[in-house]
Amino acid sequence: MRPNRVKRRLAEGGVSIGTFLLEFNTTGIARIAAAAGAEFTIVDMEHSGWGIETIRMLLATARGTEMVPLVRVPATEYHFIARVLDMGAMGIMVPMVEGEEQARRVVQSAKYPPAGRRGAAFGVAHDDYLGGDMAAKIRVANDEVLLIAQVETARGLENVEAIAAVEGLDVIWIGQADLTTSLGIPGQYTHPAFLEAVDRVADACRRSGKVLGYLALDVEDGRAMLSRGFRMLAFGGDLWLYQQALRRGIEALRGAPS
């Protein structure tokens, strides 16, 4: 079983920076992200429309790098969580976590007994098709899987202290677009209500020993969140980064003297 470098770095008090994949489902995209320095990639199933075969391919190619591949599943369902872990995801992100019971269901679906109820399948993708002692593999898999709960609704915010206290979760991730929308201030990331929400989530994480996670929209946004104590950051996503870089280049060329 592979060591989860991101989970270990976070457990040691360090910072980990990666990115999202939502659009470019090529065999090279994970290797490109890894070569750029991304320590993890979150392969998205919630908004991308990607099916399970695409996820399987992206995980297989990502596992050929030093990068840690994670998957955002579309819902808190066992068949999503356990399935992507069997295909080689080294952790999962679950959107719209709104209460303690749901958070416990995430942990139960992702970990083997006695910590959870994940079904046992070994000698498959997640353990690189290798043999070995099953009991040892179960212990290592339970230790290494990285579990991220997204708090991104008013109800989730109301219950964030109970969510953060659930044993087995590693990261509480603020979904700023959905959270501001749920709070009635869509996209207003400097609004006092959103900043108060960030402080409340941060306080819950400090008290429960959980890591704060966030999608940085740009470098300035990322630096601001690092200064607020966030230690797991995704810097943009493939489609946005490509579009931003292309726009900057085209605008610079159009403004150049002829």
C-alpha atoms as a PDB file:
ATOM      1  CA  MET A   1       0.000   0.000   0.000  1.00  0.00           C
ATOM      2  CA  ARG A   2       1.327   3.427  -0.924  1.00  0.00           C
ATOM      3  CA  PRO A   3       2.102   6.081   1.680  1.00  0.00           C
ATOM      4  CA  ASN A   4      -0.118   9.133   1.409  1.00  0.00           C
ATOM      5  CA  ARG A   5       2.425  11.956   1.354  1.00  0.00           C
ATOM      6  CA  VAL A   6      -0.227  14.659   1.542  1.00  0.00           C
ATOM      7  CA  LYS A   7      -1.899  13.160   4.600  1.00  0.00           C
ATOM      8  CA  ARG A   8       1.456  12.750   6.318  1.00  0.00           C
ATOM      9  CA  ARG A   9       2.538  16.306   5.534  1.00  0.00           C
ATOM     10  CA  LEU A  10      -0.719  17.682   6.902  1.00  0.00           C
ATOM     11  CA  ALA A  11      -0.465  15.502  10.008  1.00  0.00           C
ATOM     12  CA  GLU A  12       3.001  16.971  10.637  1.00  0.00           C
ATOM     13  CA  GLY A  13       1.604  20.502  10.501  1.00  0.00           C
ATOM     14  CA  GLY A  14       2.698  21.268   6.950  1.00  0.00           C
ATOM     15  CA  VAL A  15       0.939  22.780   3.939  1.00  0.00           C
ATOM     16  CA  SER A  16      -0.027  20.907   0.779  1.00  0.00           C
ATOM     17  CA  ILE A  17      -0.906  22.573  -2.524  1.00  0.00           C
ATOM     18  CA  GLY A  18      -2.557  20.883  -5.475  1.00  0.00           C
ATOM     19  CA  THR A  19      -5.265  21.502  -8.061  1.00  0.00           C
ATOM     20  CA  PHE A  20      -8.611  20.351  -9.456  1.00  0.00           C
ATOM     21  CA  LEU A  21      -9.307  18.417 -12.652  1.00  0.00           C
ATOM     22  CA  LEU A  22     -12.747  19.026 -14.156  1.00  0.00           C
ATOM     23  CA  GLU A  23     -12.404  19.230 -17.930  1.00  0.00           C
ATOM     24  CA  PHE A  24      -9.267  17.762 -19.527  1.00  0.00           C
ATOM     25  CA  ASN A  25      -9.601  13.993 -19.297  1.00  0.00           C
ATOM     26  CA  THR A  26      -6.414  13.066 -21.128  1.00  0.00           C
ATOM     27  CA  THR A  27      -3.837  10.449 -20.216  1.00  0.00           C
ATOM     28  CA  GLY A  28      -1.268  13.195 -19.722  1.00  0.00           C
ATOM     29  CA  ILE A  29      -3.125  15.732 -17.598  1.00  0.00           C
ATOM     30  CA  ALA A  30      -2.196  14.254 -14.202  1.00  0.00           C
ATOM     31  CA  ARG A  31       1.443  13.963 -15.266  1.00  0.00           C
ATOM     32  CA  ILE A  32       1.374  17.595 -16.435  1.00  0.00           C
ATOM     33  CA  ALA A  33      -0.028  18.720 -13.077  1.00  0.00           C
ATOM     34  CA  ALA A  34       2.547  16.643 -11.198  1.00  0.00           C
ATOM     35  CA  ALA A  35       5.381  18.076 -13.302  1.00  0.00           C
ATOM     36  CA  ALA A  36       4.122  21.571 -12.429  1.00  0.00           C
ATOM     37  CA  GLY A  37       4.525  20.756  -8.738  1.00  0.00           C
ATOM     38  CA  ALA A  38       0.987  19.825  -7.696  1.00  0.00           C
ATOM     39  CA  GLU A  39       1.168  17.550  -4.646  1.00  0.00           C
ATOM     40  CA  PHE A  40      -2.373  16.328  -5.149  1.00  0.00           C
ATOM     41  CA  THR A  41      -5.125  16.516  -7.697  1.00  0.00           C
ATOM     42  CA  ILE A  42      -8.828  16.360  -6.960  1.00  0.00           C
ATOM     43  CA  VAL A  43     -10.586  14.637  -9.856  1.00  0.00           C
ATOM     44  CA  ASP A  44     -14.125  15.970  -9.896  1.00  0.00           C
ATOM     45  CA  MET A  45     -17.272  13.886 -10.331  1.00  0.00           C
ATOM     46  CA  GLU A  46     -19.715  16.452  -8.959  1.00  0.00           C
ATOM     47  CA  HIS A  47     -19.626  19.036 -11.743  1.00  0.00           C
ATOM     48  CA  SER A  48     -17.569  17.473 -14.552  1.00  0.00           C
ATOM     49  CA  GLY A  49     -20.063  14.943 -15.900  1.00  0.00           C
ATOM     50  CA  TRP A  50     -17.282  12.342 -15.975  1.00  0.00           C
ATOM     51  CA  GLY A  51     -18.329   8.720 -15.694  1.00  0.00           C
ATOM     52  CA  ILE A  52     -16.602   5.971 -13.776  1.00  0.00           C
ATOM     53  CA  GLU A  53     -14.445   4.786 -16.703  1.00  0.00           C
ATOM     54  CA  THR A  54     -12.980   8.278 -17.125  1.00  0.00           C
ATOM     55  CA  ILE A  55     -12.252   8.445 -13.399  1.00  0.00           C
ATOM     56  CA  ARG A  56     -10.587   5.032 -13.580  1.00  0.00           C
ATOM     57  CA  MET A  57      -8.284   6.199 -16.395  1.00  0.00           C
ATOM     58  CA  LEU A  58      -7.370   9.456 -14.659  1.00  0.00           C
ATOM     59  CA  LEU A  59      -6.556   7.622 -11.426  1.00  0.00           C
ATOM     60  CA  ALA A  60      -4.456   5.015 -13.226  1.00  0.00           C
ATOM     61  CA  THR A  61      -2.362   7.664 -14.972  1.00  0.00           C
ATOM     62  CA  ALA A  62      -2.063   9.791 -11.835  1.00  0.00           C
ATOM     63  CA  ARG A  63      -0.728   6.837  -9.857  1.00  0.00           C
ATOM     64  CA  GLY A  64       2.222   6.752 -12.228  1.00  0.00           C
ATOM     65  CA  THR A  65       3.412  10.009 -10.628  1.00  0.00           C
ATOM     66  CA  GLU A  66       4.447  11.124  -7.133  1.00  0.00           C
ATOM     67  CA  MET A  67       1.213  13.090  -6.874  1.00  0.00           C
ATOM     68  CA  VAL A  68      -1.625  11.948  -4.591  1.00  0.00           C
ATOM     69  CA  PRO A  69      -4.851  11.381  -6.588  1.00  0.00           C
ATOM     70  CA  LEU A  70      -8.116  12.251  -4.837  1.00  0.00           C
ATOM     71  CA  VAL A  71     -11.701  12.152  -6.109  1.00  0.00           C
ATOM     72  CA  ARG A  72     -14.609  14.422  -5.304  1.00  0.00           C
ATOM     73  CA  VAL A  73     -17.599  12.094  -5.397  1.00  0.00           C
ATOM     74  CA  PRO A  74     -21.014  13.526  -6.317  1.00  0.00           C
ATOM     75  CA  ALA A  75     -22.822  12.479  -3.125  1.00  0.00           C
ATOM     76  CA  THR A  76     -22.446  10.742   0.227  1.00  0.00           C
ATOM     77  CA  GLU A  77     -23.122   7.254  -1.095  1.00  0.00           C
ATOM     78  CA  TYR A  78     -21.194   4.063  -0.352  1.00  0.00           C
ATOM     79  CA  HIS A  79     -21.099   2.953  -3.993  1.00  0.00           C
ATOM     80  CA  PHE A  80     -19.360   6.185  -5.021  1.00  0.00           C
ATOM     81  CA  ILE A  81     -16.901   6.348  -2.137  1.00  0.00           C
ATOM     82  CA  ALA A  82     -15.781   2.728  -1.931  1.00  0.00           C
ATOM     83  CA  ARG A  83     -15.691   2.296  -5.695  1.00  0.00           C
ATOM     84  CA  VAL A  84     -13.299   5.172  -6.435  1.00  0.00           C
ATOM     85  CA  LEU A  85     -11.066   4.067  -3.547  1.00  0.00           C
ATOM     86  CA  ASP A  86     -10.888   0.566  -5.038  1.00  0.00           C
ATOM     87  CA  MET A  87      -9.913   2.137  -8.379  1.00  0.00           C
ATOM     88  CA  GLY A  88      -6.917   3.816  -6.784  1.00  0.00           C
ATOM     89  CA  ALA A  89      -8.033   7.127  -5.270  1.00  0.00           C
ATOM     90  CA  MET A  90      -5.944   7.812  -2.171  1.00  0.00           C
ATOM     91  CA  GLY A  91      -8.682   9.892  -0.635  1.00  0.00           C
ATOM     92  CA  ILE A  92     -12.075  11.376  -1.280  1.00  0.00           C
ATOM     93  CA  MET A  93     -13.822  14.717  -1.022  1.00  0.00           C
ATOM     94  CA  VAL A  94     -17.544  14.699  -0.243  1.00  0.00           C
ATOM     95  CA  PRO A  95     -19.661  17.761  -1.083  1.00  0.00           C
ATOM     96  CA  MET A  96     -22.541  19.241   0.912  1.00  0.00           C
ATOM     97  CA  VAL A  97     -21.784  17.618   4.270  1.00  0.00           C
ATOM     98  CA  GLU A  98     -24.428  19.031   6.594  1.00  0.00           C
ATOM     99  CA  GLY A  99     -24.385  17.052   9.816  1.00  0.00           C
ATOM    100  CA  GLU A 100     -22.621  14.624  12.124  1.00  0.00           C
ATOM    101  CA  GLU A 101     -24.482  11.536  10.908  1.00  0.00           C
ATOM    102  CA  GLN A 102     -23.581  12.255   7.285  1.00  0.00           C
ATOM    103  CA  ALA A 103     -19.944  12.837   8.248  1.00  0.00           C
ATOM    104  CA  ARG A 104     -19.887   9.488  10.044  1.00  0.00           C
ATOM    105  CA  ARG A 105     -21.316   7.827   6.941  1.00  0.00           C
ATOM    106  CA  VAL A 106     -18.380   9.201   4.929  1.00  0.00           C
ATOM    107  CA  VAL A 107     -15.897   7.591   7.320  1.00  0.00           C
ATOM    108  CA  GLN A 108     -17.838   4.325   7.464  1.00  0.00           C
ATOM    109  CA  SER A 109     -17.909   4.064   3.659  1.00  0.00           C
ATOM    110  CA  ALA A 110     -14.179   4.774   3.264  1.00  0.00           C
ATOM    111  CA  LYS A 111     -12.607   2.612   5.962  1.00  0.00           C
ATOM    112  CA  TYR A 112     -12.414  -1.140   6.441  1.00  0.00           C
ATOM    113  CA  PRO A 113     -13.712  -2.847   9.598  1.00  0.00           C
ATOM    114  CA  PRO A 114     -13.507  -2.282  12.471  1.00  0.00           C
ATOM    115  CA  ALA A 115     -13.284   1.457  11.678  1.00  0.00           C
ATOM    116  CA  GLY A 116     -15.866   1.277   8.876  1.00  0.00           C
ATOM    117  CA  ARG A 117     -17.723  -1.007   6.505  1.00  0.00           C
ATOM    118  CA  ARG A 118     -15.774  -0.775   3.244  1.00  0.00           C
ATOM    119  CA  GLY A 119     -15.878  -4.064   1.357  1.00  0.00           C
ATOM    120  CA  ALA A 120     -12.616  -5.988   1.082  1.00  0.00           C
ATOM    121  CA  ALA A 121     -11.041  -6.308  -2.361  1.00  0.00           C
ATOM    122  CA  PHE A 122      -7.287  -6.739  -2.655  1.00  0.00           C
ATOM    123  CA  GLY A 123      -4.875  -7.461  -5.469  1.00  0.00           C
ATOM    124  CA  VAL A 124      -6.731  -4.742  -7.431  1.00  0.00           C
ATOM    125  CA  ALA A 125      -5.892  -1.186  -8.473  1.00  0.00           C
ATOM    126  CA  HIS A 126      -5.745   0.441  -5.039  1.00  0.00           C
ATOM    127  CA  ASP A 127      -2.982  -1.887  -3.836  1.00  0.00           C
ATOM    128  CA  ASP A 128      -1.255  -1.986  -7.258  1.00  0.00           C
ATOM    129  CA  TYR A 129      -2.402  -5.540  -7.990  1.00  0.00           C
ATOM    130  CA  LEU A 130       0.032  -6.958  -5.450  1.00  0.00           C
ATOM    131  CA  GLY A 131      -0.333  -9.750  -2.951  1.00  0.00           C
ATOM    132  CA  GLY A 132       0.385  -9.541   0.743  1.00  0.00           C
ATOM    133  CA  ASP A 133      -1.112  -9.910   4.166  1.00  0.00           C
ATOM    134  CA  MET A 134      -4.742  -8.747   4.157  1.00  0.00           C
ATOM    135  CA  ALA A 135      -4.794  -7.620   7.792  1.00  0.00           C
ATOM    136  CA  ALA A 136      -1.716  -5.468   7.240  1.00  0.00           C
ATOM    137  CA  LYS A 137      -3.226  -3.946   4.107  1.00  0.00           C
ATOM    138  CA  ILE A 138      -6.416  -3.067   5.963  1.00  0.00           C
ATOM    139  CA  ARG A 139      -4.479  -1.303   8.707  1.00  0.00           C
ATOM    140  CA  VAL A 140      -2.387   0.680   6.238  1.00  0.00           C
ATOM    141  CA  ALA A 141      -5.352   1.582   4.018  1.00  0.00           C
ATOM    142  CA  ASN A 142      -7.331   2.888   6.995  1.00  0.00           C
ATOM    143  CA  ASP A 143      -4.338   4.954   8.106  1.00  0.00           C
ATOM    144  CA  GLU A 144      -3.482   6.379   4.682  1.00  0.00           C
ATOM    145  CA  VAL A 145      -6.883   7.292   3.192  1.00  0.00           C
ATOM    146  CA  LEU A 146      -7.492  11.051   3.248  1.00  0.00           C
ATOM    147  CA  LEU A 147     -11.080  12.106   3.969  1.00  0.00           C
ATOM    148  CA  ILE A 148     -12.308  15.608   3.137  1.00  0.00           C
ATOM    149  CA  ALA A 149     -15.755  16.918   4.086  1.00  0.00           C
ATOM    150  CA  GLN A 150     -16.992  20.028   2.336  1.00  0.00           C
ATOM    151  CA  VAL A 151     -18.926  22.525   4.433  1.00  0.00           C
ATOM    152  CA  GLU A 152     -20.754  24.655   1.888  1.00  0.00           C
ATOM    153  CA  THR A 153     -24.303  25.269   3.088  1.00  0.00           C
ATOM    154  CA  ALA A 154     -25.905  27.268   5.873  1.00  0.00           C
ATOM    155  CA  ARG A 155     -26.964  23.996   7.503  1.00  0.00           C
ATOM    156  CA  GLY A 156     -23.444  22.607   7.290  1.00  0.00           C
ATOM    157  CA  LEU A 157     -22.128  25.790   8.853  1.00  0.00           C
ATOM    158  CA  GLU A 158     -24.678  25.485  11.658  1.00  0.00           C
ATOM    159  CA  ASN A 159     -23.417  21.968  12.379  1.00  0.00           C
ATOM    160  CA  VAL A 160     -19.725  22.493  11.624  1.00  0.00           C
ATOM    161  CA  GLU A 161     -18.570  21.870  15.199  1.00  0.00           C
ATOM    162  CA  ALA A 162     -20.221  18.429  15.226  1.00  0.00           C
ATOM    163  CA  ILE A 163     -18.939  17.633  11.728  1.00  0.00           C
ATOM    164  CA  ALA A 164     -15.356  18.594  12.574  1.00  0.00           C
ATOM    165  CA  ALA A 165     -15.452  16.460  15.728  1.00  0.00           C
ATOM    166  CA  VAL A 166     -16.112  13.226  13.778  1.00  0.00           C
ATOM    167  CA  GLU A 167     -13.168  10.866  14.154  1.00  0.00           C
ATOM    168  CA  GLY A 168     -11.667   9.758  10.855  1.00  0.00           C
ATOM    169  CA  LEU A 169     -12.206  12.976   8.925  1.00  0.00           C
ATOM    170  CA  ASP A 170      -8.973  14.756   8.084  1.00  0.00           C
ATOM    171  CA  VAL A 171      -9.949  17.980   6.327  1.00  0.00           C
ATOM    172  CA  ILE A 172     -12.883  20.376   6.499  1.00  0.00           C
ATOM    173  CA  TRP A 173     -13.041  22.166   3.161  1.00  0.00           C
ATOM    174  CA  ILE A 174     -14.980  25.388   2.663  1.00  0.00           C
ATOM    175  CA  GLY A 175     -16.853  25.429  -0.642  1.00  0.00           C
ATOM    176  CA  GLN A 176     -17.050  29.177  -1.073  1.00  0.00           C
ATOM    177  CA  ALA A 177     -19.335  29.338  -4.111  1.00  0.00           C
ATOM    178  CA  ASP A 178     -22.027  27.151  -2.613  1.00  0.00           C
ATOM    179  CA  LEU A 179     -21.630  28.561   0.887  1.00  0.00           C
ATOM    180  CA  THR A 180     -22.055  32.165  -0.208  1.00  0.00           C
ATOM    181  CA  THR A 181     -25.013  31.135  -2.349  1.00  0.00           C
ATOM    182  CA  SER A 182     -26.601  29.314   0.585  1.00  0.00           C
ATOM    183  CA  LEU A 183     -26.048  32.370   2.781  1.00  0.00           C
ATOM    184  CA  GLY A 184     -27.793  34.597   0.226  1.00  0.00           C
ATOM    185  CA  ILE A 185     -24.625  36.430  -0.850  1.00  0.00           C
ATOM    186  CA  PRO A 186     -23.527  34.497  -3.954  1.00  0.00           C
ATOM    187  CA  GLY A 187     -19.919  35.146  -4.948  1.00  0.00           C
ATOM    188  CA  GLN A 188     -19.371  37.836  -2.307  1.00  0.00           C
ATOM    189  CA  TYR A 189     -16.174  36.468  -0.793  1.00  0.00           C
ATOM    190  CA  THR A 190     -15.353  39.641   1.126  1.00  0.00           C
ATOM    191  CA  HIS A 191     -18.826  39.940   2.648  1.00  0.00           C
ATOM    192  CA  PRO A 192     -18.795  40.018   6.469  1.00  0.00           C
ATOM    193  CA  ALA A 193     -21.183  37.048   6.658  1.00  0.00           C
ATOM    194  CA  PHE A 194     -18.802  34.899   4.615  1.00  0.00           C
ATOM    195  CA  LEU A 195     -15.743  36.018   6.557  1.00  0.00           C
ATOM    196  CA  GLU A 196     -17.569  35.216   9.809  1.00  0.00           C
ATOM    197  CA  ALA A 197     -18.400  31.787   8.408  1.00  0.00           C
ATOM    198  CA  VAL A 198     -14.728  31.204   7.572  1.00  0.00           C
ATOM    199  CA  ASP A 199     -13.784  32.131  11.133  1.00  0.00           C
ATOM    200  CA  ARG A 200     -16.375  29.738  12.554  1.00  0.00           C
ATOM    201  CA  VAL A 201     -15.135  26.831  10.423  1.00  0.00           C
ATOM    202  CA  ALA A 202     -11.533  27.661  11.319  1.00  0.00           C
ATOM    203  CA  ASP A 203     -12.372  27.692  15.021  1.00  0.00           C
ATOM    204  CA  ALA A 204     -14.149  24.324  14.772  1.00  0.00           C
ATOM    205  CA  CYS A 205     -11.136  22.832  13.003  1.00  0.00           C
ATOM    206  CA  ARG A 206      -8.699  24.152  15.599  1.00  0.00           C
ATOM    207  CA  ARG A 207     -10.733  22.666  18.424  1.00  0.00           C
ATOM    208  CA  SER A 208     -11.053  19.274  16.721  1.00  0.00           C
ATOM    209  CA  GLY A 209      -7.577  19.080  15.218  1.00  0.00           C
ATOM    210  CA  LYS A 210      -8.799  19.096  11.623  1.00  0.00           C
ATOM    211  CA  VAL A 211      -7.071  20.698   8.631  1.00  0.00           C
ATOM    212  CA  LEU A 212      -8.707  23.609   6.803  1.00  0.00           C
ATOM    213  CA  GLY A 213      -9.045  23.241   3.034  1.00  0.00           C
ATOM    214  CA  TYR A 214      -9.935  25.703   0.263  1.00  0.00           C
ATOM    215  CA  LEU A 215      -9.949  26.268  -3.498  1.00  0.00           C
ATOM    216  CA  ALA A 216      -7.802  29.357  -4.129  1.00  0.00           C
ATOM    217  CA  LEU A 217      -9.180  31.389  -7.014  1.00  0.00           C
ATOM    218  CA  ASP A 218      -5.844  33.137  -7.572  1.00  0.00           C
ATOM    219  CA  VAL A 219      -2.466  33.577  -5.885  1.00  0.00           C
ATOM    220  CA  GLU A 220      -3.615  36.518  -3.758  1.00  0.00           C
ATOM    221  CA  ASP A 221      -6.641  34.535  -2.562  1.00  0.00           C
ATOM    222  CA  GLY A 222      -4.413  31.572  -1.724  1.00  0.00           C
ATOM    223  CA  ARG A 223      -1.956  33.686   0.250  1.00  0.00           C
ATOM    224  CA  ALA A 224      -4.818  35.221   2.208  1.00  0.00           C
ATOM    225  CA  MET A 225      -6.161  31.811   3.142  1.00  0.00           C
ATOM    226  CA  LEU A 226      -2.723  30.500   4.109  1.00  0.00           C
ATOM    227  CA  SER A 227      -2.419  33.470   6.459  1.00  0.00           C
ATOM    228  CA  ARG A 228      -5.776  32.480   7.997  1.00  0.00           C
ATOM    229  CA  GLY A 229      -4.533  28.991   8.802  1.00  0.00           C
ATOM    230  CA  PHE A 230      -5.644  26.979   5.777  1.00  0.00           C
ATOM    231  CA  ARG A 231      -3.134  24.200   5.100  1.00  0.00           C
ATOM    232  CA  MET A 232      -4.614  22.295   2.158  1.00  0.00           C
ATOM    233  CA  LEU A 233      -5.095  24.450  -0.926  1.00  0.00           C
ATOM    234  CA  ALA A 234      -6.149  23.639  -4.456  1.00  0.00           C
ATOM    235  CA  PHE A 235      -4.839  26.282  -6.844  1.00  0.00           C
ATOM    236  CA  GLY A 236      -7.570  26.593  -9.447  1.00  0.00           C
ATOM    237  CA  GLY A 237      -8.625  23.912 -11.873  1.00  0.00           C
ATOM    238  CA  ASP A 238      -7.568  22.839 -15.339  1.00  0.00           C
ATOM    239  CA  LEU A 239     -10.194  24.727 -17.356  1.00  0.00           C
ATOM    240  CA  TRP A 240      -9.884  28.000 -15.409  1.00  0.00           C
ATOM    241  CA  LEU A 241      -6.084  27.990 -15.425  1.00  0.00           C
ATOM    242  CA  TYR A 242      -5.975  27.321 -19.164  1.00  0.00           C
ATOM    243  CA  GLN A 243      -8.519  30.026 -19.900  1.00  0.00           C
ATOM    244  CA  GLN A 244      -6.809  32.597 -17.667  1.00  0.00           C
ATOM    245  CA  ALA A 245      -3.385  31.970 -19.182  1.00  0.00           C
ATOM    246  CA  LEU A 246      -4.782  32.068 -22.716  1.00  0.00           C
ATOM    247  CA  ARG A 247      -6.685  35.289 -22.039  1.00  0.00           C
ATOM    248  CA  ARG A 248      -3.616  37.015 -20.584  1.00  0.00           C
ATOM    249  CA  GLY A 249      -1.501  36.043 -23.565  1.00  0.00           C
ATOM    250  CA  ILE A 250      -4.062  37.101 -26.144  1.00  0.00           C
ATOM    251  CA  GLU A 251      -4.713  40.416 -24.424  1.00  0.00           C
ATOM    252  CA  ALA A 252      -0.980  41.113 -24.215  1.00  0.00           C
ATOM    253  CA  LEU A 253      -0.515  40.370 -27.920  1.00  0.00           C
ATOM    254  CA  ARG A 254      -3.476  42.497 -28.920  1.00  0.00           C
ATOM    255  CA  GLY A 255      -2.007  45.361 -26.958  1.00  0.00           C
ATOM    256  CA  ALA A 256       1.443  45.016 -28.473  1.00  0.00           C
ATOM    257  CA  PRO A 257       2.602  47.670 -30.986  1.00  0.00           C
ATOM    258  CA  SER A 258       2.425  46.530 -34.609  1.00  0.00           C
END
